[in-house]
Amino acid sequence: MSDEPFLRTLITRQVEELLVASPSGRVYVQSCEVSSVRITDRGAVEAATAMALDLRIGLLFLHSDEKESSKAENMVDTIRQRVQGMKAAEPVALVPVRMTESWMLADRKAIAAAVAGADLTAYPYRHPEEVEKAHNRPDHPACAKRVWQAIVGKGHAGVLDDSMEQLAQLIDLRILGRLPSYQRWLADTEHALKLKGFL
């Protein structure tokens, strides 16, 4: 899935930037690892709680698209309750508006640089904030999946998978910071880093 390499790289990069901007001491940020557990899986809460208790993990991000946002947020609350008073990772919900593809589409210049052969003639967003107003209806010109298909052409999945890590490296974090869902995630991540004593 293209959002896994994108989010893995983006999370690591954003956490590093937060810590460099406001260091409380010397901190090494390990690369973000993606679990095979999905929040919709049976036993996901138990598996995520076990991950939170792994002492090598400082923050545990629970990702979902907007339609499953309540599952991610409920899991965060449940994990916090279960690990209260224990040494554990701080859980953080990561929920883009609509789907992760909306974050991927926010920076037109980064897309052009990261995605080989990108055709941006049908790119419908005049301002980054418009990606969060994209419609889920597949026939709508601003539907994120449709926009990606127009950018990379037919058989786009492999191209996207190969390009998403580079896109996450190139995307302007200030542009992402203009998106309300990214602002919310960023604030929650900063709060979690403070709770863990990293900021």
C-alpha atoms as a PDB file:
ATOM      1  CA  MET A   1       0.000   0.000   0.000  1.00  0.00           C
ATOM      2  CA  SER A   2       1.401   3.383  -1.008  1.00  0.00           C
ATOM      3  CA  ASP A   3       0.463   5.091   2.248  1.00  0.00           C
ATOM      4  CA  GLU A   4       2.751   2.821   4.309  1.00  0.00           C
ATOM      5  CA  PRO A   5       6.103   3.963   2.833  1.00  0.00           C
ATOM      6  CA  PHE A   6       4.805   7.535   2.756  1.00  0.00           C
ATOM      7  CA  LEU A   7       3.689   7.604   6.401  1.00  0.00           C
ATOM      8  CA  ARG A   8       6.712   5.666   7.684  1.00  0.00           C
ATOM      9  CA  THR A   9       9.058   8.256   6.189  1.00  0.00           C
ATOM     10  CA  LEU A  10       6.864  11.276   6.947  1.00  0.00           C
ATOM     11  CA  ILE A  11       6.396  10.371  10.624  1.00  0.00           C
ATOM     12  CA  THR A  12      10.140   9.888  11.148  1.00  0.00           C
ATOM     13  CA  ARG A  13      10.922  13.163   9.386  1.00  0.00           C
ATOM     14  CA  GLN A  14       8.283  15.186  11.253  1.00  0.00           C
ATOM     15  CA  VAL A  15       9.230  13.831  14.684  1.00  0.00           C
ATOM     16  CA  GLU A  16      12.892  14.620  13.966  1.00  0.00           C
ATOM     17  CA  GLU A  17      11.969  18.176  12.997  1.00  0.00           C
ATOM     18  CA  LEU A  18       9.920  18.677  16.160  1.00  0.00           C
ATOM     19  CA  LEU A  19      12.771  17.462  18.336  1.00  0.00           C
ATOM     20  CA  VAL A  20      15.434  19.518  16.558  1.00  0.00           C
ATOM     21  CA  ALA A  21      13.288  22.666  16.832  1.00  0.00           C
ATOM     22  CA  SER A  22      12.827  22.269  20.580  1.00  0.00           C
ATOM     23  CA  PRO A  23      15.419  19.904  22.031  1.00  0.00           C
ATOM     24  CA  SER A  24      15.262  18.935  25.687  1.00  0.00           C
ATOM     25  CA  GLY A  25      18.455  16.951  25.331  1.00  0.00           C
ATOM     26  CA  ARG A  26      20.053  14.606  22.856  1.00  0.00           C
ATOM     27  CA  VAL A  27      17.469  12.320  21.283  1.00  0.00           C
ATOM     28  CA  TYR A  28      17.902   9.757  18.510  1.00  0.00           C
ATOM     29  CA  VAL A  29      14.788   9.138  16.411  1.00  0.00           C
ATOM     30  CA  GLN A  30      14.547   5.582  15.179  1.00  0.00           C
ATOM     31  CA  SER A  31      12.879   4.930  11.847  1.00  0.00           C
ATOM     32  CA  CYS A  32       9.148   4.416  12.103  1.00  0.00           C
ATOM     33  CA  GLU A  33       8.135   0.792  11.697  1.00  0.00           C
ATOM     34  CA  VAL A  34       4.803  -0.255  10.226  1.00  0.00           C
ATOM     35  CA  SER A  35       2.929  -3.057  11.921  1.00  0.00           C
ATOM     36  CA  SER A  36       1.019  -5.681   9.984  1.00  0.00           C
ATOM     37  CA  VAL A  37      -1.874  -5.212  12.449  1.00  0.00           C
ATOM     38  CA  ARG A  38      -4.752  -3.131  11.088  1.00  0.00           C
ATOM     39  CA  ILE A  39      -7.086  -1.233  13.412  1.00  0.00           C
ATOM     40  CA  THR A  40      -9.999  -3.109  11.842  1.00  0.00           C
ATOM     41  CA  ASP A  41      -8.448  -6.522  12.651  1.00  0.00           C
ATOM     42  CA  ARG A  42      -9.925  -8.753  15.309  1.00  0.00           C
ATOM     43  CA  GLY A  43      -7.692  -8.419  18.377  1.00  0.00           C
ATOM     44  CA  ALA A  44      -6.201  -5.120  17.179  1.00  0.00           C
ATOM     45  CA  VAL A  45      -6.619  -3.408  20.572  1.00  0.00           C
ATOM     46  CA  GLU A  46      -4.770  -6.229  22.348  1.00  0.00           C
ATOM     47  CA  ALA A  47      -1.986  -6.229  19.744  1.00  0.00           C
ATOM     48  CA  ALA A  48      -1.624  -2.433  19.898  1.00  0.00           C
ATOM     49  CA  THR A  49      -1.574  -2.523  23.707  1.00  0.00           C
ATOM     50  CA  ALA A  50       1.234  -5.091  23.587  1.00  0.00           C
ATOM     51  CA  MET A  51       3.141  -2.828  21.183  1.00  0.00           C
ATOM     52  CA  ALA A  52       2.665   0.123  23.537  1.00  0.00           C
ATOM     53  CA  LEU A  53       4.310  -1.919  26.305  1.00  0.00           C
ATOM     54  CA  ASP A  54       7.387  -2.609  24.176  1.00  0.00           C
ATOM     55  CA  LEU A  55      10.009  -0.451  25.904  1.00  0.00           C
ATOM     56  CA  ARG A  56      11.792   0.275  22.611  1.00  0.00           C
ATOM     57  CA  ILE A  57       8.785   2.302  21.410  1.00  0.00           C
ATOM     58  CA  GLY A  58       8.191   5.885  22.552  1.00  0.00           C
ATOM     59  CA  LEU A  59       5.161   6.808  20.428  1.00  0.00           C
ATOM     60  CA  LEU A  60       2.581   4.508  18.870  1.00  0.00           C
ATOM     61  CA  PHE A  61       0.701   5.980  15.911  1.00  0.00           C
ATOM     62  CA  LEU A  62      -2.709   4.508  15.114  1.00  0.00           C
ATOM     63  CA  HIS A  63      -3.568   5.328  11.513  1.00  0.00           C
ATOM     64  CA  SER A  64      -6.944   5.234   9.839  1.00  0.00           C
ATOM     65  CA  ASP A  65      -8.768   6.997   7.050  1.00  0.00           C
ATOM     66  CA  GLU A  66     -11.526   9.395   8.022  1.00  0.00           C
ATOM     67  CA  LYS A  67     -14.307   6.803   7.780  1.00  0.00           C
ATOM     68  CA  GLU A  68     -12.654   4.764  10.581  1.00  0.00           C
ATOM     69  CA  SER A  69     -11.478   7.724  12.664  1.00  0.00           C
ATOM     70  CA  SER A  70     -13.594   6.753  15.670  1.00  0.00           C
ATOM     71  CA  LYS A  71     -11.873   3.339  15.789  1.00  0.00           C
ATOM     72  CA  ALA A  72      -8.426   4.945  15.915  1.00  0.00           C
ATOM     73  CA  GLU A  73      -9.488   7.489  18.537  1.00  0.00           C
ATOM     74  CA  ASN A  74     -11.212   4.837  20.677  1.00  0.00           C
ATOM     75  CA  MET A  75      -8.113   2.647  20.487  1.00  0.00           C
ATOM     76  CA  VAL A  76      -5.977   5.546  21.710  1.00  0.00           C
ATOM     77  CA  ASP A  77      -8.288   6.006  24.721  1.00  0.00           C
ATOM     78  CA  THR A  78      -8.418   2.267  25.458  1.00  0.00           C
ATOM     79  CA  ILE A  79      -4.636   1.843  25.273  1.00  0.00           C
ATOM     80  CA  ARG A  80      -4.088   4.843  27.563  1.00  0.00           C
ATOM     81  CA  GLN A  81      -6.435   3.314  30.129  1.00  0.00           C
ATOM     82  CA  ARG A  82      -4.837  -0.138  29.914  1.00  0.00           C
ATOM     83  CA  VAL A  83      -1.243   1.084  30.325  1.00  0.00           C
ATOM     84  CA  GLN A  84      -1.926   3.782  32.898  1.00  0.00           C
ATOM     85  CA  GLY A  85       0.845   3.876  35.491  1.00  0.00           C
ATOM     86  CA  MET A  86       3.108   1.628  33.403  1.00  0.00           C
ATOM     87  CA  LYS A  87       6.123   2.426  31.231  1.00  0.00           C
ATOM     88  CA  ALA A  88       4.541   2.463  27.811  1.00  0.00           C
ATOM     89  CA  ALA A  89       4.471   4.227  24.469  1.00  0.00           C
ATOM     90  CA  GLU A  90       2.142   7.182  24.126  1.00  0.00           C
ATOM     91  CA  PRO A  91      -0.591   6.386  21.546  1.00  0.00           C
ATOM     92  CA  VAL A  92      -1.451   9.036  18.935  1.00  0.00           C
ATOM     93  CA  ALA A  93      -4.236   8.898  16.352  1.00  0.00           C
ATOM     94  CA  LEU A  94      -3.151   9.776  12.795  1.00  0.00           C
ATOM     95  CA  VAL A  95      -6.268  10.459  10.741  1.00  0.00           C
ATOM     96  CA  PRO A  96      -6.082  12.495   7.517  1.00  0.00           C
ATOM     97  CA  VAL A  97      -9.291  13.995   6.164  1.00  0.00           C
ATOM     98  CA  ARG A  98     -10.733  11.532   3.671  1.00  0.00           C
ATOM     99  CA  MET A  99      -7.602   9.362   3.244  1.00  0.00           C
ATOM    100  CA  THR A 100      -3.806   9.508   3.367  1.00  0.00           C
ATOM    101  CA  GLU A 101      -3.759  10.346  -0.344  1.00  0.00           C
ATOM    102  CA  SER A 102      -5.007  13.838   0.531  1.00  0.00           C
ATOM    103  CA  TRP A 103      -1.754  14.530   2.428  1.00  0.00           C
ATOM    104  CA  MET A 104       0.227  13.075  -0.477  1.00  0.00           C
ATOM    105  CA  LEU A 105      -1.444  15.501  -2.898  1.00  0.00           C
ATOM    106  CA  ALA A 106      -0.819  18.689  -0.890  1.00  0.00           C
ATOM    107  CA  ASP A 107       2.529  19.671  -2.460  1.00  0.00           C
ATOM    108  CA  ARG A 108       2.393  19.811  -6.249  1.00  0.00           C
ATOM    109  CA  LYS A 109       6.144  20.531  -6.641  1.00  0.00           C
ATOM    110  CA  ALA A 110       7.081  17.516  -4.505  1.00  0.00           C
ATOM    111  CA  ILE A 111       4.830  15.269  -6.604  1.00  0.00           C
ATOM    112  CA  ALA A 112       6.492  16.491  -9.816  1.00  0.00           C
ATOM    113  CA  ALA A 113       9.942  15.759  -8.346  1.00  0.00           C
ATOM    114  CA  ALA A 114       9.111  12.393  -6.748  1.00  0.00           C
ATOM    115  CA  VAL A 115       6.776  10.690  -9.218  1.00  0.00           C
ATOM    116  CA  ALA A 116       8.470   9.788 -12.503  1.00  0.00           C
ATOM    117  CA  GLY A 117       6.413  10.899 -15.493  1.00  0.00           C
ATOM    118  CA  ALA A 118       3.831  12.711 -13.362  1.00  0.00           C
ATOM    119  CA  ASP A 119       1.175  14.432 -15.468  1.00  0.00           C
ATOM    120  CA  LEU A 120      -0.121  17.345 -13.398  1.00  0.00           C
ATOM    121  CA  THR A 121      -2.345  18.901 -16.059  1.00  0.00           C
ATOM    122  CA  ALA A 122      -5.474  17.595 -14.277  1.00  0.00           C
ATOM    123  CA  TYR A 123      -4.244  18.572 -10.779  1.00  0.00           C
ATOM    124  CA  PRO A 124      -7.394  20.305  -9.442  1.00  0.00           C
ATOM    125  CA  TYR A 125      -6.175  22.043  -6.261  1.00  0.00           C
ATOM    126  CA  ARG A 126      -5.258  25.742  -6.353  1.00  0.00           C
ATOM    127  CA  HIS A 127      -4.320  25.773  -2.650  1.00  0.00           C
ATOM    128  CA  PRO A 128      -3.085  22.910  -0.433  1.00  0.00           C
ATOM    129  CA  GLU A 129      -6.106  23.225   1.873  1.00  0.00           C
ATOM    130  CA  GLU A 130      -8.351  22.167  -1.006  1.00  0.00           C
ATOM    131  CA  VAL A 131      -7.057  18.580  -0.853  1.00  0.00           C
ATOM    132  CA  GLU A 132      -9.011  18.124   2.368  1.00  0.00           C
ATOM    133  CA  LYS A 133     -12.191  19.151   0.586  1.00  0.00           C
ATOM    134  CA  ALA A 134     -11.767  16.368  -1.955  1.00  0.00           C
ATOM    135  CA  HIS A 135     -14.799  14.187  -2.509  1.00  0.00           C
ATOM    136  CA  ASN A 136     -14.896  10.423  -2.040  1.00  0.00           C
ATOM    137  CA  ARG A 137     -17.246   9.962  -4.990  1.00  0.00           C
ATOM    138  CA  PRO A 138     -15.051   8.208  -7.616  1.00  0.00           C
ATOM    139  CA  ASP A 139     -16.383  10.309 -10.515  1.00  0.00           C
ATOM    140  CA  HIS A 140     -15.640  13.669  -8.828  1.00  0.00           C
ATOM    141  CA  PRO A 141     -12.596  15.431 -10.405  1.00  0.00           C
ATOM    142  CA  ALA A 142     -11.131  16.168  -6.941  1.00  0.00           C
ATOM    143  CA  CYS A 143     -11.446  12.592  -5.623  1.00  0.00           C
ATOM    144  CA  ALA A 144      -7.922  11.805  -4.351  1.00  0.00           C
ATOM    145  CA  LYS A 145      -7.709   8.356  -5.941  1.00  0.00           C
ATOM    146  CA  ARG A 146      -8.917   9.755  -9.268  1.00  0.00           C
ATOM    147  CA  VAL A 147      -6.381  12.597  -9.113  1.00  0.00           C
ATOM    148  CA  TRP A 148      -3.553  10.120  -8.492  1.00  0.00           C
ATOM    149  CA  GLN A 149      -4.683   7.992 -11.420  1.00  0.00           C
ATOM    150  CA  ALA A 150      -4.663  11.082 -13.664  1.00  0.00           C
ATOM    151  CA  ILE A 151      -1.172  12.024 -12.430  1.00  0.00           C
ATOM    152  CA  VAL A 152       0.493   8.663 -13.013  1.00  0.00           C
ATOM    153  CA  GLY A 153      -1.773   7.008 -15.581  1.00  0.00           C
ATOM    154  CA  LYS A 154      -3.129   3.465 -15.727  1.00  0.00           C
ATOM    155  CA  GLY A 155      -1.438   0.816 -13.615  1.00  0.00           C
ATOM    156  CA  HIS A 156      -0.500   3.525 -11.124  1.00  0.00           C
ATOM    157  CA  ALA A 157      -0.269   1.424  -7.950  1.00  0.00           C
ATOM    158  CA  GLY A 158       3.297   0.213  -8.532  1.00  0.00           C
ATOM    159  CA  VAL A 159       4.491   3.669  -9.536  1.00  0.00           C
ATOM    160  CA  LEU A 160       2.998   5.164  -6.392  1.00  0.00           C
ATOM    161  CA  ASP A 161       4.474   2.502  -4.132  1.00  0.00           C
ATOM    162  CA  ASP A 162       7.927   3.163  -5.572  1.00  0.00           C
ATOM    163  CA  SER A 163       7.612   6.955  -5.287  1.00  0.00           C
ATOM    164  CA  MET A 164       5.932   7.485  -1.922  1.00  0.00           C
ATOM    165  CA  GLU A 165       9.037   7.296   0.241  1.00  0.00           C
ATOM    166  CA  GLN A 166      10.712   9.932  -1.917  1.00  0.00           C
ATOM    167  CA  LEU A 167       7.560  12.063  -1.860  1.00  0.00           C
ATOM    168  CA  ALA A 168       7.591  11.977   1.957  1.00  0.00           C
ATOM    169  CA  GLN A 169      11.220  13.137   1.895  1.00  0.00           C
ATOM    170  CA  LEU A 170      10.491  16.015  -0.490  1.00  0.00           C
ATOM    171  CA  ILE A 171       7.073  17.218   0.643  1.00  0.00           C
ATOM    172  CA  ASP A 172       7.142  20.639   2.276  1.00  0.00           C
ATOM    173  CA  LEU A 173       6.151  20.187   5.918  1.00  0.00           C
ATOM    174  CA  ARG A 174       5.003  23.819   6.046  1.00  0.00           C
ATOM    175  CA  ILE A 175       2.500  23.056   3.285  1.00  0.00           C
ATOM    176  CA  LEU A 176       1.248  20.007   5.156  1.00  0.00           C
ATOM    177  CA  GLY A 177       1.007  22.231   8.242  1.00  0.00           C
ATOM    178  CA  ARG A 178      -1.714  24.214   6.479  1.00  0.00           C
ATOM    179  CA  LEU A 179      -4.055  21.188   6.445  1.00  0.00           C
ATOM    180  CA  PRO A 180      -6.406  20.993   9.464  1.00  0.00           C
ATOM    181  CA  SER A 181      -6.028  17.224   9.895  1.00  0.00           C
ATOM    182  CA  TYR A 182      -2.234  17.530   9.774  1.00  0.00           C
ATOM    183  CA  GLN A 183      -2.332  20.380  12.296  1.00  0.00           C
ATOM    184  CA  ARG A 184      -4.365  18.169  14.636  1.00  0.00           C
ATOM    185  CA  TRP A 185      -1.954  15.246  14.258  1.00  0.00           C
ATOM    186  CA  LEU A 186       1.046  17.529  14.728  1.00  0.00           C
ATOM    187  CA  ALA A 187      -0.418  19.012  17.924  1.00  0.00           C
ATOM    188  CA  ASP A 188      -1.210  15.522  19.264  1.00  0.00           C
ATOM    189  CA  THR A 189       2.320  14.359  18.410  1.00  0.00           C
ATOM    190  CA  GLU A 190       3.899  17.362  20.163  1.00  0.00           C
ATOM    191  CA  HIS A 191       1.741  16.691  23.215  1.00  0.00           C
ATOM    192  CA  ALA A 192       2.784  13.022  23.230  1.00  0.00           C
ATOM    193  CA  LEU A 193       6.473  13.987  22.971  1.00  0.00           C
ATOM    194  CA  LYS A 194       6.012  16.349  25.937  1.00  0.00           C
ATOM    195  CA  LEU A 195       4.315  13.617  27.971  1.00  0.00           C
ATOM    196  CA  LYS A 196       7.279  11.337  27.251  1.00  0.00           C
ATOM    197  CA  GLY A 197       9.725  14.073  28.274  1.00  0.00           C
ATOM    198  CA  PHE A 198      11.247  14.524  24.818  1.00  0.00           C
ATOM    199  CA  LEU A 199      10.128  18.163  24.489  1.00  0.00           C
END
